[in-house]
Each structure stands twice: as C-alpha cells, then as structure tokens.
Amino acid sequence: MNFVFLLTGLLFIFGISWLVSNDRQHIKYKRMGVMFVMQMVISFLCLHTSGGIKTLQQISKFFSWLLLQADGGVQFVFGGFATKPGATVFFLNVLMPIVFISALVGILNYLKILPFIIKWTGWLLNKISHMGELESYFAVSTAILGQPEVYLTIKDQIPKLNEQRLYTICASAMSAVSAAMLASYMKMVDGKFVVVAVFLNILSALIISCVINPYDVAPNDELIQIDDTNKGQAFFEVLGNYITDGFSLAVTVAAMLIGFVALVTFLNNSFTSLIHISFTTIIGYIFAPIAWLMGVPNQDIVKVGSLMATKLLTNEFAAMGMLQTMKAELTTKGYAIISAYLVSFANFGTVGIITGSIKAISKPQGGFVARFSMKLLLGATLASVLTGTIVGFYF
C-alpha cells in the first residue's frame, strides 16, 4: 500500500510540475531519476536501518545539547522571568537559541570550515546530478547559511544569471532551511524528521526544477566564483555580526508569529461564530486530497491539510506550533509526513524576502524574480510535498 501512495504522490507532484513547465520538451528525466534514487537511498538509510536511526538519534541529542548551552545565555539575560511549572515561553525557549546557533555558524564560517564543506559537497552533488556547479553549490549553501545572507556569497554572479538559473537558485533557497533554525525546529518536531528533510529538500528543489525549469549549463558558463562575505573582517566583528543577525532573525520570527497566529485565531473565531466551522478546518478540507495522495491516513487528512495550508499562508513555525497541540491525535505515518513537509521556507512571506534580497543586489534580476514568484512558491511547495511523500513511504 505504501508503494501505491508513493506512486500517487509522485504522479500528483510531477503532473502539476508538467502543467506549469517552461519547456515540456526538454524535461531532464535522467537527472530527476538519479536524484530521486539518491533520495530513496538517503531516506532508507536514515529511517529504515539501525545505523541510520542511531545516527539521527545522535544528531538530535547533539542539537539538544546545543540548546542546553544556549540556555546559559538566555537564563543570564531573562532568568528573572517566572513561568508556571512545566510551562515554556516560546520566545525564550525556542527562538532565543537561534542567537547562539547563529554565533556558531559564524565561527565555522570564519574558520573556513563551512565554506570547505559547502564547496566540496556542492562539487560532489554536481558530479552526480549535472545540475551545474553554481546551482549545486547554492543548493548546499542555502541549507546551511540561510536567507538572505546566502545570496551575498554569489552577489557578483546574480546579475549575470539568466532567468532560468535564477529560478533554480531561488527555488533552492525557498525549499531549504538554515542551520541556525534546526535546533529551534527540533524543539517542536521530532529531530529525525528535521534532519532527513534537510537532506531531501536539497534534492527535491532540484528535481522539481528539472520539470518546471529545465535547461542545460554550458561547461564555460559555470560562473562558480564564490565571494567571501567575511573578507577583511576581524574575528569578533564577524562574530558580533552573526550574533546580532541571529537576534534580529529571532525577533522577526516572533513578530511574524504574533501577527499570523493572531490573524488565524481571529479567522477561526469569526468563521466559527458565523458558520460554526473554523477557518483552519475549511482549508484543511481543501488540502485534504493532497494529503491523501501523499499517503496520509484517512483519519488524519483534514488535520494534516490544515497544517499544510497554515504553513503556506503563514510560516513553518506557526504550523509546527499547531502540530504540537495535535500530535497525539495523529497516526505515526501522518505525523511523519507532515513533520517532514513543514521543514522548509515555502510560504508567501519568503517570496517577499527572496524578491527583496535579489532586488537589493540587482534591480533587474529582482524584477525577474517578482514575475515568476508564484511559480517559485508552487515549485517550492511541490518540493516539500515530494519530501513528505518519500518520508511517508517508510512508515
């Protein structure tokens, strides 16, 4: 039965991708096949072997340990706040650790450890997928550095990119999540699904791009010149920048959550008062058929559908918060699928971030991104659906 739902999920994903493709005659089936096999192998090793499961457990424990270290700084600054026994403050316990993780990313970046990993992982990915050196580098780097700083590493190349290559790098950015966010996600979602989704999303974005946005890169057109954003800066200057960026990110996420969650609450109460059914339930029914095609069990499809829609309309944190409250109501398979689906930046807000980031570097290129922004959001959402469908196959 799992194979049937894997097939239905793939047919839906690639069927929609084919309908909106820019060039149906030149879809890169071979590249898609190679990367899909990679996804199946990665997910099998991570979710279906004792070694993979233990590795994911150790990674989750490591991030839990990092959160404990982050708590030292949080308690020093906010330790005077009193909470009820067993209660947590989302801003302090989930968002503030982003500051510490961002500092670690800055240190690893300054020491050239992350650039080394990104460069050679991207090189290996390109040798396997043949997506292009720049595209492969960016797909890996955006899963580590995050937005908008990742665009600065290729700021000299962005003005030279054609519209097709620009779409691919933007789709990768929207489908991935930054390393600074992982620990916060693991406070809300089972860590193994976060880690697996990070790996799968890198490939999912490229696979969807092979259908929606197929093209070939000439050997002499790689443009793989990566800028060192920390060049000439002292260590503590870099560290300070990453810390303040991490704090700004945490505050921004908090502000968006206050607005979005309040808006959803307002809509739920308004709809319930007027028609005796909540807004999230209505959008849950709209997305339920997609959830069913992904392999979500029948009893979960409305709940999972509402979470899928919430993430798209607001952001992944708002949806993860809802998931925490309904986890006990979901089956193991339904929880696995939606957990993997939620680990990405595919939402309307990110479209604005990407458009603004590209426009700040090159105004004409920002105009290109604005024109294909809805197709970009669709592609990134389908990439999340692909990741969730593959994870569901193993439960």
Protein backbone atom coordinates (compact mmCIF):
# COMPACT_ATOMS: atom_id res chain seq x y z
CA MET A 1 0.00 0.00 0.00
CA ASN A 2 2.92 2.33 0.74
CA PHE A 3 4.15 1.90 -2.82
CA VAL A 4 0.71 2.86 -4.18
CA PHE A 5 0.70 6.12 -2.20
CA LEU A 6 4.29 6.83 -3.23
CA LEU A 7 3.13 6.47 -6.83
CA THR A 8 0.03 8.66 -6.36
CA GLY A 9 2.13 11.32 -4.65
CA LEU A 10 4.70 11.32 -7.43
CA LEU A 11 2.02 11.45 -10.12
CA PHE A 12 0.44 14.47 -8.45
CA ILE A 13 3.77 16.27 -7.96
CA PHE A 14 5.11 15.70 -11.44
CA GLY A 15 1.71 16.15 -13.06
CA ILE A 16 1.35 19.66 -11.61
CA SER A 17 5.00 20.41 -12.41
CA TRP A 18 4.49 19.30 -16.01
CA LEU A 19 1.43 21.51 -16.40
CA VAL A 20 3.37 24.64 -15.41
CA SER A 21 6.66 23.65 -17.06
CA ASN A 22 8.52 26.29 -19.06
CA ASP A 23 9.75 23.71 -21.58
CA ARG A 24 7.98 20.33 -21.57
CA GLN A 25 10.05 19.06 -24.49
CA HIS A 26 13.32 19.22 -22.59
CA ILE A 27 12.43 17.95 -19.10
CA LYS A 28 15.56 16.40 -17.57
CA TYR A 29 14.28 12.92 -16.78
CA LYS A 30 17.73 11.37 -16.30
CA ARG A 31 18.78 13.98 -13.74
CA MET A 32 15.46 13.57 -11.96
CA GLY A 33 15.88 9.80 -11.81
CA VAL A 34 19.40 9.99 -10.41
CA MET A 35 18.43 12.45 -7.68
CA PHE A 36 15.24 10.57 -6.82
CA VAL A 37 17.25 7.37 -6.33
CA MET A 38 19.59 9.36 -4.07
CA GLN A 39 16.59 10.48 -2.04
CA MET A 40 15.27 6.96 -1.65
CA VAL A 41 18.69 5.69 -0.56
CA ILE A 42 19.18 8.54 1.94
CA SER A 43 15.71 8.13 3.43
CA PHE A 44 16.09 4.33 3.60
CA LEU A 45 19.44 4.58 5.40
CA CYS A 46 18.16 7.24 7.79
CA LEU A 47 14.72 5.83 8.60
CA HIS A 48 14.92 2.10 7.92
CA THR A 49 18.33 0.91 9.14
CA SER A 50 19.56 0.61 12.72
CA GLY A 51 22.74 2.52 11.89
CA GLY A 52 20.82 5.38 10.29
CA ILE A 53 18.31 5.58 13.14
CA LYS A 54 21.11 5.68 15.72
CA THR A 55 22.92 8.37 13.72
CA LEU A 56 19.80 10.53 13.61
CA GLN A 57 19.32 10.00 17.35
CA GLN A 58 22.87 11.17 18.00
CA ILE A 59 22.37 14.23 15.80
CA SER A 60 19.17 15.06 17.68
CA LYS A 61 20.99 14.62 21.01
CA PHE A 62 23.76 16.92 19.81
CA PHE A 63 21.29 19.67 18.96
CA SER A 64 19.54 19.13 22.30
CA TRP A 65 22.93 19.59 23.97
CA LEU A 66 23.47 22.80 21.97
CA LEU A 67 20.11 24.06 23.23
CA LEU A 68 21.27 23.48 26.80
CA GLN A 69 24.35 25.59 26.10
CA ALA A 70 22.21 28.30 24.55
CA ASP A 71 20.06 28.25 27.68
CA GLY A 72 23.03 29.58 29.67
CA GLY A 73 22.91 32.90 27.82
CA VAL A 74 19.12 33.04 27.81
CA GLN A 75 18.93 32.43 31.57
CA PHE A 76 21.59 35.07 32.26
CA VAL A 77 19.55 37.73 30.44
CA PHE A 78 15.99 36.57 31.11
CA GLY A 79 16.45 34.41 34.21
CA GLY A 80 14.29 36.67 36.34
CA PHE A 81 11.13 35.78 34.45
CA ALA A 82 8.87 33.35 36.31
CA THR A 83 6.76 30.78 34.49
CA LYS A 84 4.29 28.20 35.67
CA PRO A 85 5.77 24.75 36.42
CA GLY A 86 6.11 22.79 33.18
CA ALA A 87 5.33 25.85 31.06
CA THR A 88 7.64 27.37 28.45
CA VAL A 89 7.94 30.79 26.86
CA PHE A 90 8.18 30.31 23.10
CA PHE A 91 10.34 33.39 22.51
CA LEU A 92 12.85 32.37 25.19
CA ASN A 93 12.90 28.59 24.79
CA VAL A 94 12.50 28.22 21.02
CA LEU A 95 13.59 31.46 19.34
CA MET A 96 16.40 32.78 21.54
CA PRO A 97 18.67 29.72 20.92
CA ILE A 98 18.84 30.94 17.31
CA VAL A 99 21.24 33.64 18.55
CA PHE A 100 23.72 31.06 19.89
CA ILE A 101 23.44 28.75 16.89
CA SER A 102 23.96 31.72 14.58
CA ALA A 103 27.14 32.57 16.50
CA LEU A 104 28.43 29.00 15.97
CA VAL A 105 27.67 29.24 12.25
CA GLY A 106 29.62 32.50 12.14
CA ILE A 107 32.64 30.92 13.83
CA LEU A 108 32.63 27.91 11.49
CA ASN A 109 32.25 30.23 8.52
CA TYR A 110 35.11 32.47 9.66
CA LEU A 111 37.39 29.45 10.15
CA LYS A 112 36.59 28.35 6.56
CA ILE A 113 35.13 25.07 7.78
CA LEU A 114 31.65 25.65 6.39
CA PRO A 115 32.90 27.06 3.05
CA PHE A 116 35.06 23.94 2.64
CA ILE A 117 32.12 21.61 3.36
CA ILE A 118 29.80 23.57 1.09
CA LYS A 119 32.27 23.75 -1.79
CA TRP A 120 33.11 20.06 -1.94
CA THR A 121 29.61 18.82 -1.15
CA GLY A 122 28.33 21.04 -3.95
CA TRP A 123 31.06 19.73 -6.26
CA LEU A 124 30.06 16.13 -5.49
CA LEU A 125 26.36 16.91 -5.97
CA ASN A 126 27.07 18.44 -9.37
CA LYS A 127 29.10 15.41 -10.48
CA ILE A 128 26.14 13.19 -9.64
CA SER A 129 23.24 15.39 -10.75
CA HIS A 130 24.86 17.54 -13.50
CA MET A 131 22.69 20.48 -12.43
CA GLY A 132 25.56 22.96 -12.75
CA GLU A 133 28.32 23.93 -10.34
CA LEU A 134 26.70 27.16 -9.23
CA GLU A 135 23.29 25.56 -8.73
CA SER A 136 24.77 22.64 -6.77
CA TYR A 137 26.91 24.91 -4.61
CA PHE A 138 23.96 27.16 -3.85
CA ALA A 139 21.62 24.25 -3.07
CA VAL A 140 24.02 23.07 -0.36
CA SER A 141 24.98 26.51 0.95
CA THR A 142 21.39 27.70 1.37
CA ALA A 143 20.72 24.68 3.62
CA ILE A 144 23.49 25.91 5.93
CA LEU A 145 23.70 29.68 5.71
CA GLY A 146 20.04 30.57 5.19
CA GLN A 147 18.46 33.76 3.91
CA PRO A 148 19.22 36.47 2.99
CA GLU A 149 22.95 36.15 3.72
CA VAL A 150 23.40 33.21 1.33
CA TYR A 151 22.83 35.49 -1.69
CA LEU A 152 25.83 37.57 -0.69
CA THR A 153 28.13 34.63 -1.43
CA ILE A 154 27.17 34.85 -5.13
CA LYS A 155 26.34 38.56 -5.35
CA ASP A 156 28.71 39.12 -8.29
CA GLN A 157 27.17 36.22 -10.22
CA ILE A 158 23.49 37.12 -9.68
CA PRO A 159 23.45 39.96 -12.26
CA LYS A 160 24.92 37.56 -14.87
CA LEU A 161 22.37 34.76 -14.43
CA ASN A 162 19.66 34.16 -16.98
CA GLU A 163 16.08 33.80 -15.79
CA GLN A 164 16.23 30.00 -15.78
CA ARG A 165 19.25 29.76 -13.50
CA LEU A 166 17.85 32.49 -11.28
CA TYR A 167 14.67 30.45 -10.78
CA THR A 168 16.65 27.38 -9.71
CA ILE A 169 18.73 29.15 -7.06
CA CYS A 170 15.64 30.90 -5.67
CA ALA A 171 13.72 27.61 -5.56
CA SER A 172 16.61 26.04 -3.63
CA ALA A 173 16.60 28.91 -1.14
CA MET A 174 12.87 28.59 -0.54
CA SER A 175 12.95 24.80 -0.17
CA ALA A 176 15.81 24.68 2.33
CA VAL A 177 16.17 25.81 5.94
CA SER A 178 19.23 27.34 7.58
CA ALA A 179 21.38 25.56 10.15
CA ALA A 180 20.63 28.30 12.68
CA MET A 181 16.97 27.22 12.70
CA LEU A 182 17.45 23.47 13.17
CA ALA A 183 17.68 23.45 16.95
CA SER A 184 14.52 25.55 17.23
CA TYR A 185 12.67 23.20 14.87
CA MET A 186 13.78 20.23 16.98
CA LYS A 187 12.08 21.79 19.99
CA MET A 188 8.79 21.45 18.11
CA VAL A 189 9.20 18.46 15.76
CA ASP A 190 10.91 15.08 16.13
CA GLY A 191 14.59 15.69 15.32
CA LYS A 192 14.95 12.79 12.91
CA PHE A 193 12.37 14.26 10.56
CA VAL A 194 14.09 17.64 10.65
CA VAL A 195 17.45 16.13 9.68
CA VAL A 196 16.04 13.88 6.95
CA ALA A 197 14.00 16.75 5.48
CA VAL A 198 17.12 18.95 5.28
CA PHE A 199 18.88 16.33 3.16
CA LEU A 200 15.87 15.52 1.00
CA ASN A 201 14.87 19.13 0.38
CA ILE A 202 18.20 19.93 -1.28
CA LEU A 203 17.42 17.31 -3.91
CA SER A 204 13.65 17.91 -4.02
CA ALA A 205 14.11 21.51 -5.12
CA LEU A 206 16.48 20.49 -7.92
CA ILE A 207 14.18 17.65 -9.05
CA ILE A 208 11.16 19.97 -9.33
CA SER A 209 13.31 22.50 -11.20
CA CYS A 210 14.17 19.78 -13.74
CA VAL A 211 10.47 19.68 -14.66
CA ILE A 212 9.29 23.26 -14.21
CA ASN A 213 12.51 24.92 -15.33
CA PRO A 214 14.65 22.56 -17.47
CA TYR A 215 17.87 23.84 -19.06
CA ASP A 216 21.48 22.90 -19.74
CA VAL A 217 24.55 24.69 -18.47
CA ALA A 218 27.47 25.07 -20.88
CA PRO A 219 30.87 23.98 -19.49
CA ASN A 220 32.24 27.51 -19.99
CA ASP A 221 29.28 29.15 -18.28
CA GLU A 222 29.61 27.89 -14.71
CA LEU A 223 30.22 31.29 -13.06
CA ILE A 224 31.40 29.47 -9.95
CA GLN A 225 33.17 32.35 -8.23
CA ILE A 226 32.20 32.46 -4.60
CA ASP A 227 32.58 35.68 -2.63
CA ASP A 228 33.97 35.66 0.90
CA THR A 229 31.47 37.80 2.81
CA ASN A 230 33.83 37.96 5.82
CA LYS A 231 36.91 39.07 3.89
CA GLY A 232 38.91 41.72 5.73
CA GLN A 233 36.82 41.48 8.90
CA ALA A 234 38.22 40.70 12.34
CA PHE A 235 37.02 37.61 14.18
CA PHE A 236 34.99 39.45 16.81
CA GLU A 237 33.48 41.71 14.17
CA VAL A 238 32.22 38.64 12.29
CA LEU A 239 31.04 37.02 15.49
CA GLY A 240 29.20 40.15 16.54
CA ASN A 241 27.52 40.44 13.16
CA TYR A 242 26.27 36.85 13.29
CA ILE A 243 25.01 37.27 16.86
CA THR A 244 23.07 40.44 16.04
CA ASP A 245 21.76 38.84 12.83
CA GLY A 246 20.59 35.84 14.84
CA PHE A 247 18.82 38.09 17.34
CA SER A 248 17.21 40.09 14.53
CA LEU A 249 16.02 36.84 12.96
CA ALA A 250 14.52 35.65 16.26
CA VAL A 251 12.70 38.96 16.78
CA THR A 252 11.45 38.96 13.18
CA VAL A 253 10.09 35.43 13.53
CA ALA A 254 8.44 36.40 16.83
CA ALA A 255 6.78 39.43 15.27
CA MET A 256 5.51 37.39 12.31
CA LEU A 257 4.16 34.71 14.65
CA ILE A 258 2.30 37.25 16.77
CA GLY A 259 0.67 38.71 13.68
CA PHE A 260 -0.03 35.47 11.83
CA VAL A 261 -1.22 33.42 14.80
CA ALA A 262 -3.46 36.27 15.93
CA LEU A 263 -4.86 36.52 12.40
CA VAL A 264 -5.57 32.78 12.25
CA THR A 265 -7.20 32.97 15.69
CA PHE A 266 -9.35 35.88 14.51
CA LEU A 267 -10.41 33.98 11.38
CA ASN A 268 -11.14 30.79 13.33
CA ASN A 269 -13.33 32.59 15.84
CA SER A 270 -15.06 34.64 13.15
CA PHE A 271 -15.82 31.63 10.96
CA THR A 272 -16.97 29.60 13.96
CA SER A 273 -19.34 32.36 15.03
CA LEU A 274 -20.77 32.84 11.54
CA ILE A 275 -20.94 29.33 10.07
CA HIS A 276 -20.00 27.08 13.04
CA ILE A 277 -16.83 25.74 11.41
CA SER A 278 -13.31 27.09 11.88
CA PHE A 279 -11.20 28.62 9.13
CA THR A 280 -8.40 26.06 9.61
CA THR A 281 -10.93 23.22 9.24
CA ILE A 282 -12.14 24.68 5.93
CA ILE A 283 -8.64 24.99 4.49
CA GLY A 284 -7.94 21.54 5.91
CA TYR A 285 -10.68 20.12 3.68
CA ILE A 286 -9.23 21.99 0.69
CA PHE A 287 -5.77 20.50 1.20
CA ALA A 288 -7.03 17.09 2.37
CA PRO A 289 -6.94 15.48 -1.12
CA ILE A 290 -3.26 16.44 -1.47
CA ALA A 291 -2.52 14.98 1.96
CA TRP A 292 -4.30 11.75 0.95
CA LEU A 293 -2.27 11.49 -2.27
CA MET A 294 0.91 11.86 -0.19
CA GLY A 295 -0.09 8.80 1.83
CA VAL A 296 -1.57 10.44 4.92
CA PRO A 297 -4.09 8.04 6.56
CA ASN A 298 -7.75 8.94 6.04
CA GLN A 299 -8.37 9.91 9.66
CA ASP A 300 -5.54 12.47 9.51
CA ILE A 301 -6.04 14.13 6.13
CA VAL A 302 -8.12 17.12 7.30
CA LYS A 303 -5.80 17.89 10.23
CA VAL A 304 -2.68 17.49 8.08
CA GLY A 305 -4.31 19.52 5.31
CA SER A 306 -4.93 22.40 7.72
CA LEU A 307 -1.27 22.32 8.80
CA MET A 308 -0.10 22.33 5.17
CA ALA A 309 -2.25 25.35 4.42
CA THR A 310 -1.21 27.14 7.61
CA LYS A 311 2.44 26.79 6.69
CA LEU A 312 1.81 28.12 3.19
CA LEU A 313 -0.26 31.10 4.37
CA THR A 314 1.83 31.96 7.46
CA ASN A 315 5.11 30.14 8.12
CA GLU A 316 6.53 26.84 9.33
CA PHE A 317 6.77 27.94 12.98
CA ALA A 318 3.05 28.69 13.18
CA ALA A 319 2.25 25.29 11.64
CA MET A 320 4.72 23.49 13.93
CA GLY A 321 3.09 25.14 16.93
CA MET A 322 -0.28 23.77 15.81
CA LEU A 323 1.30 20.37 15.20
CA GLN A 324 2.49 20.22 18.80
CA THR A 325 -1.08 20.58 20.05
CA MET A 326 -2.48 17.88 17.78
CA LYS A 327 0.42 15.39 17.75
CA ALA A 328 -1.44 12.94 20.00
CA GLU A 329 -4.38 12.95 17.56
CA LEU A 330 -2.29 11.91 14.54
CA THR A 331 -1.12 8.48 13.46
CA THR A 332 2.61 7.77 13.27
CA LYS A 333 2.54 7.94 9.48
CA GLY A 334 0.54 11.16 9.38
CA TYR A 335 2.88 12.79 11.90
CA ALA A 336 5.98 11.68 9.95
CA ILE A 337 4.69 13.08 6.65
CA ILE A 338 3.59 16.47 7.97
CA SER A 339 6.74 16.85 10.08
CA ALA A 340 8.97 16.44 7.03
CA TYR A 341 6.70 18.66 4.92
CA LEU A 342 6.92 21.56 7.36
CA VAL A 343 10.72 21.79 7.34
CA SER A 344 11.16 24.40 4.61
CA PHE A 345 10.70 28.11 3.95
CA ALA A 346 7.98 27.61 1.31
CA ASN A 347 5.42 30.29 2.20
CA PHE A 348 4.18 33.64 0.94
CA GLY A 349 6.39 35.61 3.31
CA THR A 350 9.56 34.03 1.94
CA VAL A 351 8.62 35.16 -1.57
CA GLY A 352 8.95 38.73 -0.37
CA ILE A 353 12.27 38.03 1.35
CA ILE A 354 13.75 36.44 -1.77
CA THR A 355 12.47 39.15 -4.10
CA GLY A 356 13.80 41.87 -1.83
CA SER A 357 17.18 40.18 -1.40
CA ILE A 358 17.72 39.74 -5.13
CA LYS A 359 16.47 43.26 -5.89
CA ALA A 360 18.95 44.70 -3.39
CA ILE A 361 21.79 43.06 -5.34
CA SER A 362 20.43 43.61 -8.86
CA LYS A 363 17.22 45.54 -9.53
CA PRO A 364 16.59 43.95 -12.98
CA GLN A 365 17.02 40.45 -11.56
CA GLY A 366 14.67 41.33 -8.72
CA GLY A 367 12.09 42.19 -11.37
CA PHE A 368 12.54 38.75 -12.94
CA VAL A 369 12.01 37.06 -9.56
CA ALA A 370 8.87 39.11 -8.91
CA ARG A 371 7.39 37.98 -12.25
CA PHE A 372 7.83 34.26 -11.56
CA SER A 373 7.27 34.48 -7.78
CA MET A 374 4.03 32.45 -7.74
CA LYS A 375 5.57 29.71 -9.87
CA LEU A 376 8.52 29.80 -7.47
CA LEU A 377 6.22 29.29 -4.49
CA LEU A 378 4.42 26.47 -6.30
CA GLY A 379 7.70 24.71 -7.10
CA ALA A 380 8.98 25.02 -3.53
CA THR A 381 5.66 23.72 -2.16
CA LEU A 382 5.79 20.74 -4.52
CA ALA A 383 9.34 20.08 -3.31
CA SER A 384 8.01 19.92 0.26
CA VAL A 385 5.24 17.57 -0.88
CA LEU A 386 7.87 15.35 -2.53
CA THR A 387 9.93 15.23 0.67
CA GLY A 388 6.87 14.40 2.79
CA THR A 389 5.75 11.69 0.33
CA ILE A 390 9.14 9.96 0.42
CA VAL A 391 9.30 10.02 4.21
CA GLY A 392 5.78 8.60 4.39
CA PHE A 393 6.84 5.65 2.25
CA TYR A 394 8.86 4.28 5.19
CA PHE A 395 6.04 4.39 7.76
